[in-house]
């Protein structure tokens, strides 16, 4: 069975539905919860893919501020160097952009919070993961930082009017998503309770944000569960080729 290393930088953003979809697609998930004290492996040896989730930390944090991100950056750098099938979500995508030579900063237009849409770019039509998605799929946003510059050579796959770098690919198999696809209504409700600054900046009340997120979760599953299956195919292909597992 193909093995996926799942890095959870914060207990606030578990793999949730995304983890379920990936397991249903036949992957063995090795979950490392950094907030619970789990250790990261030194390398990706023995794994066929990598999933890095989000959290309240910033990709601009130094080692003193967020020491738990040092190992995450190291694994993302290894994934980039080896073109290991990787899916990096929100904070994960920002770390991926930074490690790859892009730039992350505090969002110039403030936090992006709640249920919204992203639009596929033309390059998505040639991408095996993004091509089958709807033209403007539903997503959940909850970020204060933005990816100001993509890594050199990255392919932009999705944008929206608020922040243009919503999804991208580096190489053939390494993907970053600024938005969330893994959430449940309960997770969004917890975020809305915690992130009073982001909620206030949205111009919407917490109840409205939660209600809209709950309403779009069936559409999220319809679009992104098959996407997770296609990512699992990439991971399995690497395992079949005998590249990742020892």
C-alpha atoms as a PDB file:
ATOM      1  CA  UNK A   1       0.000   0.000   0.000  1.00  0.00           C
ATOM      2  CA  UNK A   2       1.253   3.505  -0.851  1.00  0.00           C
ATOM      3  CA  UNK A   3       2.252   5.491   2.226  1.00  0.00           C
ATOM      4  CA  UNK A   4       1.424   9.174   2.713  1.00  0.00           C
ATOM      5  CA  UNK A   5       3.108  11.246   5.398  1.00  0.00           C
ATOM      6  CA  UNK A   6       0.493  13.619   6.854  1.00  0.00           C
ATOM      7  CA  UNK A   7       1.954  16.627   8.687  1.00  0.00           C
ATOM      8  CA  UNK A   8      -0.494  18.403  11.015  1.00  0.00           C
ATOM      9  CA  UNK A   9       1.189  21.616  12.235  1.00  0.00           C
ATOM     10  CA  UNK A  10      -1.723  22.506  14.536  1.00  0.00           C
ATOM     11  CA  UNK A  11      -4.491  20.582  16.261  1.00  0.00           C
ATOM     12  CA  UNK A  12      -6.883  23.222  14.897  1.00  0.00           C
ATOM     13  CA  UNK A  13      -6.537  21.846  11.340  1.00  0.00           C
ATOM     14  CA  UNK A  14      -6.713  18.049  11.240  1.00  0.00           C
ATOM     15  CA  UNK A  15      -6.931  16.182   7.917  1.00  0.00           C
ATOM     16  CA  UNK A  16     -10.629  15.554   8.612  1.00  0.00           C
ATOM     17  CA  UNK A  17     -12.570  14.817   5.411  1.00  0.00           C
ATOM     18  CA  UNK A  18      -9.466  15.017   3.220  1.00  0.00           C
ATOM     19  CA  UNK A  19      -7.871  12.282   5.302  1.00  0.00           C
ATOM     20  CA  UNK A  20     -10.991  10.161   4.892  1.00  0.00           C
ATOM     21  CA  UNK A  21     -11.034  10.639   1.118  1.00  0.00           C
ATOM     22  CA  UNK A  22      -7.352   9.740   0.803  1.00  0.00           C
ATOM     23  CA  UNK A  23      -7.746   6.629   2.946  1.00  0.00           C
ATOM     24  CA  UNK A  24     -10.797   5.605   0.923  1.00  0.00           C
ATOM     25  CA  UNK A  25      -8.648   6.028  -2.193  1.00  0.00           C
ATOM     26  CA  UNK A  26      -6.300   3.351  -0.855  1.00  0.00           C
ATOM     27  CA  UNK A  27      -3.491   5.291   0.837  1.00  0.00           C
ATOM     28  CA  UNK A  28      -1.934   4.391   4.166  1.00  0.00           C
ATOM     29  CA  UNK A  29      -1.787   7.609   6.197  1.00  0.00           C
ATOM     30  CA  UNK A  30       1.023   8.167   8.706  1.00  0.00           C
ATOM     31  CA  UNK A  31      -0.225  11.184  10.639  1.00  0.00           C
ATOM     32  CA  UNK A  32       2.181  13.332  12.649  1.00  0.00           C
ATOM     33  CA  UNK A  33       0.462  15.899  14.895  1.00  0.00           C
ATOM     34  CA  UNK A  34       3.096  18.441  15.864  1.00  0.00           C
ATOM     35  CA  UNK A  35       0.863  20.128  18.427  1.00  0.00           C
ATOM     36  CA  UNK A  36       0.497  16.810  20.234  1.00  0.00           C
ATOM     37  CA  UNK A  37       4.250  16.305  20.346  1.00  0.00           C
ATOM     38  CA  UNK A  38       4.651  13.864  17.460  1.00  0.00           C
ATOM     39  CA  UNK A  39       8.080  13.869  15.838  1.00  0.00           C
ATOM     40  CA  UNK A  40       8.630  14.275  12.128  1.00  0.00           C
ATOM     41  CA  UNK A  41      10.802  11.800  10.238  1.00  0.00           C
ATOM     42  CA  UNK A  42      14.190  13.140   9.243  1.00  0.00           C
ATOM     43  CA  UNK A  43      13.494  12.439   5.563  1.00  0.00           C
ATOM     44  CA  UNK A  44      10.741  11.214   3.263  1.00  0.00           C
ATOM     45  CA  UNK A  45      12.417   7.829   2.863  1.00  0.00           C
ATOM     46  CA  UNK A  46       9.754   5.166   3.204  1.00  0.00           C
ATOM     47  CA  UNK A  47       6.962   7.471   2.025  1.00  0.00           C
ATOM     48  CA  UNK A  48       5.408   7.863  -1.407  1.00  0.00           C
ATOM     49  CA  UNK A  49       3.807  11.265  -0.833  1.00  0.00           C
ATOM     50  CA  UNK A  50       3.413  14.195   1.545  1.00  0.00           C
ATOM     51  CA  UNK A  51       0.425  16.157   2.851  1.00  0.00           C
ATOM     52  CA  UNK A  52       1.015  19.329   4.892  1.00  0.00           C
ATOM     53  CA  UNK A  53      -1.988  21.037   6.480  1.00  0.00           C
ATOM     54  CA  UNK A  54      -2.616  24.458   7.983  1.00  0.00           C
ATOM     55  CA  UNK A  55      -2.492  26.199  11.322  1.00  0.00           C
ATOM     56  CA  UNK A  56      -2.357  29.612  12.998  1.00  0.00           C
ATOM     57  CA  UNK A  57       1.427  29.876  12.591  1.00  0.00           C
ATOM     58  CA  UNK A  58       2.916  32.078   9.882  1.00  0.00           C
ATOM     59  CA  UNK A  59       5.271  30.934   7.143  1.00  0.00           C
ATOM     60  CA  UNK A  60       7.278  34.048   8.011  1.00  0.00           C
ATOM     61  CA  UNK A  61       7.876  32.821  11.588  1.00  0.00           C
ATOM     62  CA  UNK A  62      11.502  32.243  12.477  1.00  0.00           C
ATOM     63  CA  UNK A  63      12.841  29.185  14.276  1.00  0.00           C
ATOM     64  CA  UNK A  64      12.429  30.798  17.688  1.00  0.00           C
ATOM     65  CA  UNK A  65       8.777  31.697  17.093  1.00  0.00           C
ATOM     66  CA  UNK A  66       7.670  28.395  15.525  1.00  0.00           C
ATOM     67  CA  UNK A  67      10.395  25.758  15.983  1.00  0.00           C
ATOM     68  CA  UNK A  68       7.966  23.031  14.892  1.00  0.00           C
ATOM     69  CA  UNK A  69       8.021  24.400  11.343  1.00  0.00           C
ATOM     70  CA  UNK A  70      11.741  23.778  10.840  1.00  0.00           C
ATOM     71  CA  UNK A  71      11.226  20.103  10.085  1.00  0.00           C
ATOM     72  CA  UNK A  72       8.205  20.867   7.910  1.00  0.00           C
ATOM     73  CA  UNK A  73      10.314  23.170   5.746  1.00  0.00           C
ATOM     74  CA  UNK A  74      12.995  20.488   5.482  1.00  0.00           C
ATOM     75  CA  UNK A  75      10.509  17.881   4.249  1.00  0.00           C
ATOM     76  CA  UNK A  76       8.944  20.300   1.768  1.00  0.00           C
ATOM     77  CA  UNK A  77      12.399  21.117   0.399  1.00  0.00           C
ATOM     78  CA  UNK A  78      13.075  17.410  -0.042  1.00  0.00           C
ATOM     79  CA  UNK A  79       9.721  16.939  -1.767  1.00  0.00           C
ATOM     80  CA  UNK A  80      10.527  19.782  -4.159  1.00  0.00           C
ATOM     81  CA  UNK A  81      13.973  18.431  -4.926  1.00  0.00           C
ATOM     82  CA  UNK A  82      12.613  14.954  -5.658  1.00  0.00           C
ATOM     83  CA  UNK A  83       9.262  15.984  -7.182  1.00  0.00           C
ATOM     84  CA  UNK A  84       7.543  13.806  -4.573  1.00  0.00           C
ATOM     85  CA  UNK A  85       3.713  13.908  -4.842  1.00  0.00           C
ATOM     86  CA  UNK A  86       2.808  16.623  -2.354  1.00  0.00           C
ATOM     87  CA  UNK A  87      -0.329  18.494  -1.354  1.00  0.00           C
ATOM     88  CA  UNK A  88       0.256  21.557   0.841  1.00  0.00           C
ATOM     89  CA  UNK A  89      -2.798  23.341   2.269  1.00  0.00           C
ATOM     90  CA  UNK A  90      -3.002  26.971   3.494  1.00  0.00           C
ATOM     91  CA  UNK A  91      -0.029  27.335   5.875  1.00  0.00           C
ATOM     92  CA  UNK A  92       1.434  24.330   4.094  1.00  0.00           C
ATOM     93  CA  UNK A  93       1.117  26.098   0.735  1.00  0.00           C
ATOM     94  CA  UNK A  94       2.712  29.243   2.132  1.00  0.00           C
ATOM     95  CA  UNK A  95       5.630  27.221   3.514  1.00  0.00           C
ATOM     96  CA  UNK A  96       5.937  25.471   0.154  1.00  0.00           C
ATOM     97  CA  UNK A  97       6.043  28.805  -1.672  1.00  0.00           C
ATOM     98  CA  UNK A  98       8.667  30.153   0.709  1.00  0.00           C
ATOM     99  CA  UNK A  99      10.857  27.039   0.547  1.00  0.00           C
ATOM    100  CA  UNK A 100      10.632  27.063  -3.238  1.00  0.00           C
ATOM    101  CA  UNK A 101      11.896  30.634  -3.520  1.00  0.00           C
ATOM    102  CA  UNK A 102       8.591  32.512  -3.508  1.00  0.00           C
ATOM    103  CA  UNK A 103       7.497  35.147  -1.021  1.00  0.00           C
ATOM    104  CA  UNK A 104       4.900  35.236   1.751  1.00  0.00           C
ATOM    105  CA  UNK A 105       3.697  38.363   3.530  1.00  0.00           C
ATOM    106  CA  UNK A 106       0.789  39.608   5.580  1.00  0.00           C
ATOM    107  CA  UNK A 107      -2.203  39.913   3.265  1.00  0.00           C
ATOM    108  CA  UNK A 108      -2.272  43.436   1.912  1.00  0.00           C
ATOM    109  CA  UNK A 109      -6.077  43.402   1.702  1.00  0.00           C
ATOM    110  CA  UNK A 110      -6.594  41.797   5.079  1.00  0.00           C
ATOM    111  CA  UNK A 111      -7.739  38.305   6.059  1.00  0.00           C
ATOM    112  CA  UNK A 112      -9.720  36.159   3.643  1.00  0.00           C
ATOM    113  CA  UNK A 113     -12.358  34.286   5.603  1.00  0.00           C
ATOM    114  CA  UNK A 114     -15.282  32.017   4.838  1.00  0.00           C
ATOM    115  CA  UNK A 115     -16.841  30.165   1.930  1.00  0.00           C
ATOM    116  CA  UNK A 116     -15.908  31.521  -1.479  1.00  0.00           C
ATOM    117  CA  UNK A 117     -14.983  30.488  -5.011  1.00  0.00           C
ATOM    118  CA  UNK A 118     -11.722  30.227  -6.892  1.00  0.00           C
ATOM    119  CA  UNK A 119     -11.400  30.261 -10.665  1.00  0.00           C
ATOM    120  CA  UNK A 120      -9.247  27.852 -12.626  1.00  0.00           C
ATOM    121  CA  UNK A 121      -6.585  29.398 -14.821  1.00  0.00           C
ATOM    122  CA  UNK A 122      -5.918  28.253 -18.382  1.00  0.00           C
ATOM    123  CA  UNK A 123      -2.984  26.118 -17.240  1.00  0.00           C
ATOM    124  CA  UNK A 124      -5.388  24.006 -15.170  1.00  0.00           C
ATOM    125  CA  UNK A 125      -6.746  22.509 -18.396  1.00  0.00           C
ATOM    126  CA  UNK A 126      -3.457  20.646 -18.840  1.00  0.00           C
ATOM    127  CA  UNK A 127      -3.149  19.569 -15.193  1.00  0.00           C
ATOM    128  CA  UNK A 128      -4.256  16.028 -14.283  1.00  0.00           C
ATOM    129  CA  UNK A 129      -5.558  17.015 -10.841  1.00  0.00           C
ATOM    130  CA  UNK A 130      -7.239  20.326 -11.719  1.00  0.00           C
ATOM    131  CA  UNK A 131      -8.583  19.659 -15.207  1.00  0.00           C
ATOM    132  CA  UNK A 132     -11.736  17.753 -14.082  1.00  0.00           C
ATOM    133  CA  UNK A 133     -12.669  20.371 -11.437  1.00  0.00           C
ATOM    134  CA  UNK A 134     -15.528  22.808 -12.080  1.00  0.00           C
ATOM    135  CA  UNK A 135     -14.495  26.121 -13.584  1.00  0.00           C
ATOM    136  CA  UNK A 136     -15.092  27.886 -10.246  1.00  0.00           C
ATOM    137  CA  UNK A 137     -15.105  25.353  -7.401  1.00  0.00           C
ATOM    138  CA  UNK A 138     -16.231  26.160  -3.865  1.00  0.00           C
ATOM    139  CA  UNK A 139     -13.522  26.444  -1.206  1.00  0.00           C
ATOM    140  CA  UNK A 140     -13.114  27.572   2.405  1.00  0.00           C
ATOM    141  CA  UNK A 141     -10.729  30.427   3.191  1.00  0.00           C
ATOM    142  CA  UNK A 142      -9.181  31.267   6.569  1.00  0.00           C
ATOM    143  CA  UNK A 143      -5.831  33.004   6.128  1.00  0.00           C
ATOM    144  CA  UNK A 144      -4.171  36.264   7.166  1.00  0.00           C
ATOM    145  CA  UNK A 145      -0.963  35.902   5.136  1.00  0.00           C
ATOM    146  CA  UNK A 146      -0.758  35.755   1.354  1.00  0.00           C
ATOM    147  CA  UNK A 147       1.547  34.176  -1.178  1.00  0.00           C
ATOM    148  CA  UNK A 148       2.863  37.365  -2.749  1.00  0.00           C
ATOM    149  CA  UNK A 149       5.173  35.619  -5.240  1.00  0.00           C
ATOM    150  CA  UNK A 150       5.138  32.046  -6.479  1.00  0.00           C
ATOM    151  CA  UNK A 151       8.347  30.016  -6.633  1.00  0.00           C
ATOM    152  CA  UNK A 152      10.287  30.473  -9.878  1.00  0.00           C
ATOM    153  CA  UNK A 153       8.893  28.187 -12.554  1.00  0.00           C
ATOM    154  CA  UNK A 154       5.669  27.447 -10.647  1.00  0.00           C
ATOM    155  CA  UNK A 155       2.434  27.009 -12.601  1.00  0.00           C
ATOM    156  CA  UNK A 156      -0.559  29.039 -11.387  1.00  0.00           C
ATOM    157  CA  UNK A 157      -3.681  26.868 -11.428  1.00  0.00           C
ATOM    158  CA  UNK A 158      -6.371  28.917  -9.662  1.00  0.00           C
ATOM    159  CA  UNK A 159      -6.983  32.522  -8.597  1.00  0.00           C
ATOM    160  CA  UNK A 160      -9.651  34.810  -7.205  1.00  0.00           C
ATOM    161  CA  UNK A 161     -10.086  38.599  -7.027  1.00  0.00           C
ATOM    162  CA  UNK A 162      -8.940  38.813  -3.395  1.00  0.00           C
ATOM    163  CA  UNK A 163      -5.578  37.048  -3.725  1.00  0.00           C
ATOM    164  CA  UNK A 164      -4.328  35.779  -7.084  1.00  0.00           C
ATOM    165  CA  UNK A 165      -2.119  32.877  -5.990  1.00  0.00           C
ATOM    166  CA  UNK A 166      -4.769  30.440  -4.828  1.00  0.00           C
ATOM    167  CA  UNK A 167      -3.390  27.180  -6.232  1.00  0.00           C
ATOM    168  CA  UNK A 168      -0.123  26.303  -7.915  1.00  0.00           C
ATOM    169  CA  UNK A 169       2.108  23.438  -8.936  1.00  0.00           C
ATOM    170  CA  UNK A 170       5.872  23.184  -8.774  1.00  0.00           C
ATOM    171  CA  UNK A 171       7.430  20.574 -11.032  1.00  0.00           C
ATOM    172  CA  UNK A 172       4.979  17.855 -12.027  1.00  0.00           C
ATOM    173  CA  UNK A 173       3.724  16.551  -8.673  1.00  0.00           C
ATOM    174  CA  UNK A 174       4.022  19.212  -5.943  1.00  0.00           C
ATOM    175  CA  UNK A 175       0.832  21.223  -5.305  1.00  0.00           C
ATOM    176  CA  UNK A 176      -0.053  24.141  -3.054  1.00  0.00           C
ATOM    177  CA  UNK A 177      -3.588  25.237  -2.132  1.00  0.00           C
ATOM    178  CA  UNK A 178      -4.010  28.574  -0.351  1.00  0.00           C
ATOM    179  CA  UNK A 179      -7.568  27.538   0.542  1.00  0.00           C
ATOM    180  CA  UNK A 180      -9.036  24.672   2.544  1.00  0.00           C
ATOM    181  CA  UNK A 181     -10.826  21.601   1.208  1.00  0.00           C
ATOM    182  CA  UNK A 182     -10.489  19.379   4.282  1.00  0.00           C
ATOM    183  CA  UNK A 183     -12.886  21.126   6.635  1.00  0.00           C
ATOM    184  CA  UNK A 184     -16.109  20.123   8.313  1.00  0.00           C
ATOM    185  CA  UNK A 185     -18.747  22.640   9.446  1.00  0.00           C
ATOM    186  CA  UNK A 186     -17.577  22.031  13.007  1.00  0.00           C
ATOM    187  CA  UNK A 187     -13.973  22.927  12.166  1.00  0.00           C
ATOM    188  CA  UNK A 188     -15.067  26.160  10.468  1.00  0.00           C
ATOM    189  CA  UNK A 189     -17.208  27.032  13.492  1.00  0.00           C
ATOM    190  CA  UNK A 190     -14.188  26.556  15.766  1.00  0.00           C
ATOM    191  CA  UNK A 191     -12.022  28.755  13.532  1.00  0.00           C
ATOM    192  CA  UNK A 192     -14.684  31.458  13.442  1.00  0.00           C
ATOM    193  CA  UNK A 193     -14.847  31.366  17.234  1.00  0.00           C
ATOM    194  CA  UNK A 194     -11.064  31.672  17.586  1.00  0.00           C
ATOM    195  CA  UNK A 195     -10.272  34.133  14.791  1.00  0.00           C
ATOM    196  CA  UNK A 196     -12.150  37.211  15.907  1.00  0.00           C
ATOM    197  CA  UNK A 197      -9.847  39.481  13.866  1.00  0.00           C
ATOM    198  CA  UNK A 198     -10.471  37.570  10.655  1.00  0.00           C
ATOM    199  CA  UNK A 199     -14.210  37.420  11.233  1.00  0.00           C
ATOM    200  CA  UNK A 200     -14.371  41.139  11.945  1.00  0.00           C
ATOM    201  CA  UNK A 201     -12.380  41.913   8.801  1.00  0.00           C
ATOM    202  CA  UNK A 202     -14.751  39.848   6.667  1.00  0.00           C
ATOM    203  CA  UNK A 203     -17.669  42.196   7.316  1.00  0.00           C
ATOM    204  CA  UNK A 204     -19.824  39.182   8.137  1.00  0.00           C
ATOM    205  CA  UNK A 205     -20.936  37.905  11.502  1.00  0.00           C
ATOM    206  CA  UNK A 206     -19.705  34.591  12.833  1.00  0.00           C
ATOM    207  CA  UNK A 207     -23.144  33.038  12.382  1.00  0.00           C
ATOM    208  CA  UNK A 208     -23.284  34.066   8.727  1.00  0.00           C
ATOM    209  CA  UNK A 209     -19.799  32.718   8.037  1.00  0.00           C
ATOM    210  CA  UNK A 210     -20.683  29.397   9.647  1.00  0.00           C
ATOM    211  CA  UNK A 211     -24.048  29.123   7.888  1.00  0.00           C
ATOM    212  CA  UNK A 212     -22.528  29.790   4.465  1.00  0.00           C
ATOM    213  CA  UNK A 213     -19.717  27.321   5.088  1.00  0.00           C
ATOM    214  CA  UNK A 214     -22.175  24.635   6.173  1.00  0.00           C
ATOM    215  CA  UNK A 215     -24.233  25.216   3.047  1.00  0.00           C
ATOM    216  CA  UNK A 216     -21.298  24.706   0.648  1.00  0.00           C
ATOM    217  CA  UNK A 217     -19.774  21.622   2.275  1.00  0.00           C
ATOM    218  CA  UNK A 218     -21.768  19.183   0.091  1.00  0.00           C
ATOM    219  CA  UNK A 219     -20.473  21.017  -3.011  1.00  0.00           C
ATOM    220  CA  UNK A 220     -16.960  20.944  -1.587  1.00  0.00           C
ATOM    221  CA  UNK A 221     -17.154  17.184  -1.278  1.00  0.00           C
ATOM    222  CA  UNK A 222     -18.554  16.779  -4.785  1.00  0.00           C
ATOM    223  CA  UNK A 223     -15.618  18.682  -6.301  1.00  0.00           C
ATOM    224  CA  UNK A 224     -12.720  17.875  -4.010  1.00  0.00           C
ATOM    225  CA  UNK A 225     -13.235  14.234  -2.992  1.00  0.00           C
ATOM    226  CA  UNK A 226     -12.489  13.142  -6.589  1.00  0.00           C
ATOM    227  CA  UNK A 227      -9.546  15.585  -6.584  1.00  0.00           C
ATOM    228  CA  UNK A 228      -8.192  13.763  -3.516  1.00  0.00           C
ATOM    229  CA  UNK A 229      -8.603  10.507  -5.393  1.00  0.00           C
ATOM    230  CA  UNK A 230      -6.563  11.852  -8.294  1.00  0.00           C
ATOM    231  CA  UNK A 231      -3.829  12.961  -5.902  1.00  0.00           C
ATOM    232  CA  UNK A 232      -3.876   9.469  -4.393  1.00  0.00           C
ATOM    233  CA  UNK A 233      -3.302   8.125  -7.906  1.00  0.00           C
ATOM    234  CA  UNK A 234      -0.074  10.167  -8.097  1.00  0.00           C
ATOM    235  CA  UNK A 235       1.087   8.748  -4.773  1.00  0.00           C
ATOM    236  CA  UNK A 236       0.256   5.192  -5.815  1.00  0.00           C
ATOM    237  CA  UNK A 237       2.080   5.657  -9.114  1.00  0.00           C
ATOM    238  CA  UNK A 238       5.231   6.572  -7.247  1.00  0.00           C
ATOM    239  CA  UNK A 239       4.839   3.541  -4.988  1.00  0.00           C
ATOM    240  CA  UNK A 240       4.317   1.273  -7.997  1.00  0.00           C
ATOM    241  CA  UNK A 241       7.465   2.634  -9.578  1.00  0.00           C
ATOM    242  CA  UNK A 242       9.340   1.757  -6.390  1.00  0.00           C
ATOM    243  CA  UNK A 243      10.710   5.281  -5.940  1.00  0.00           C
ATOM    244  CA  UNK A 244       9.478   6.220  -2.492  1.00  0.00           C
ATOM    245  CA  UNK A 245       9.194   3.252  -0.185  1.00  0.00           C
ATOM    246  CA  UNK A 246      12.314   1.577   1.108  1.00  0.00           C
END
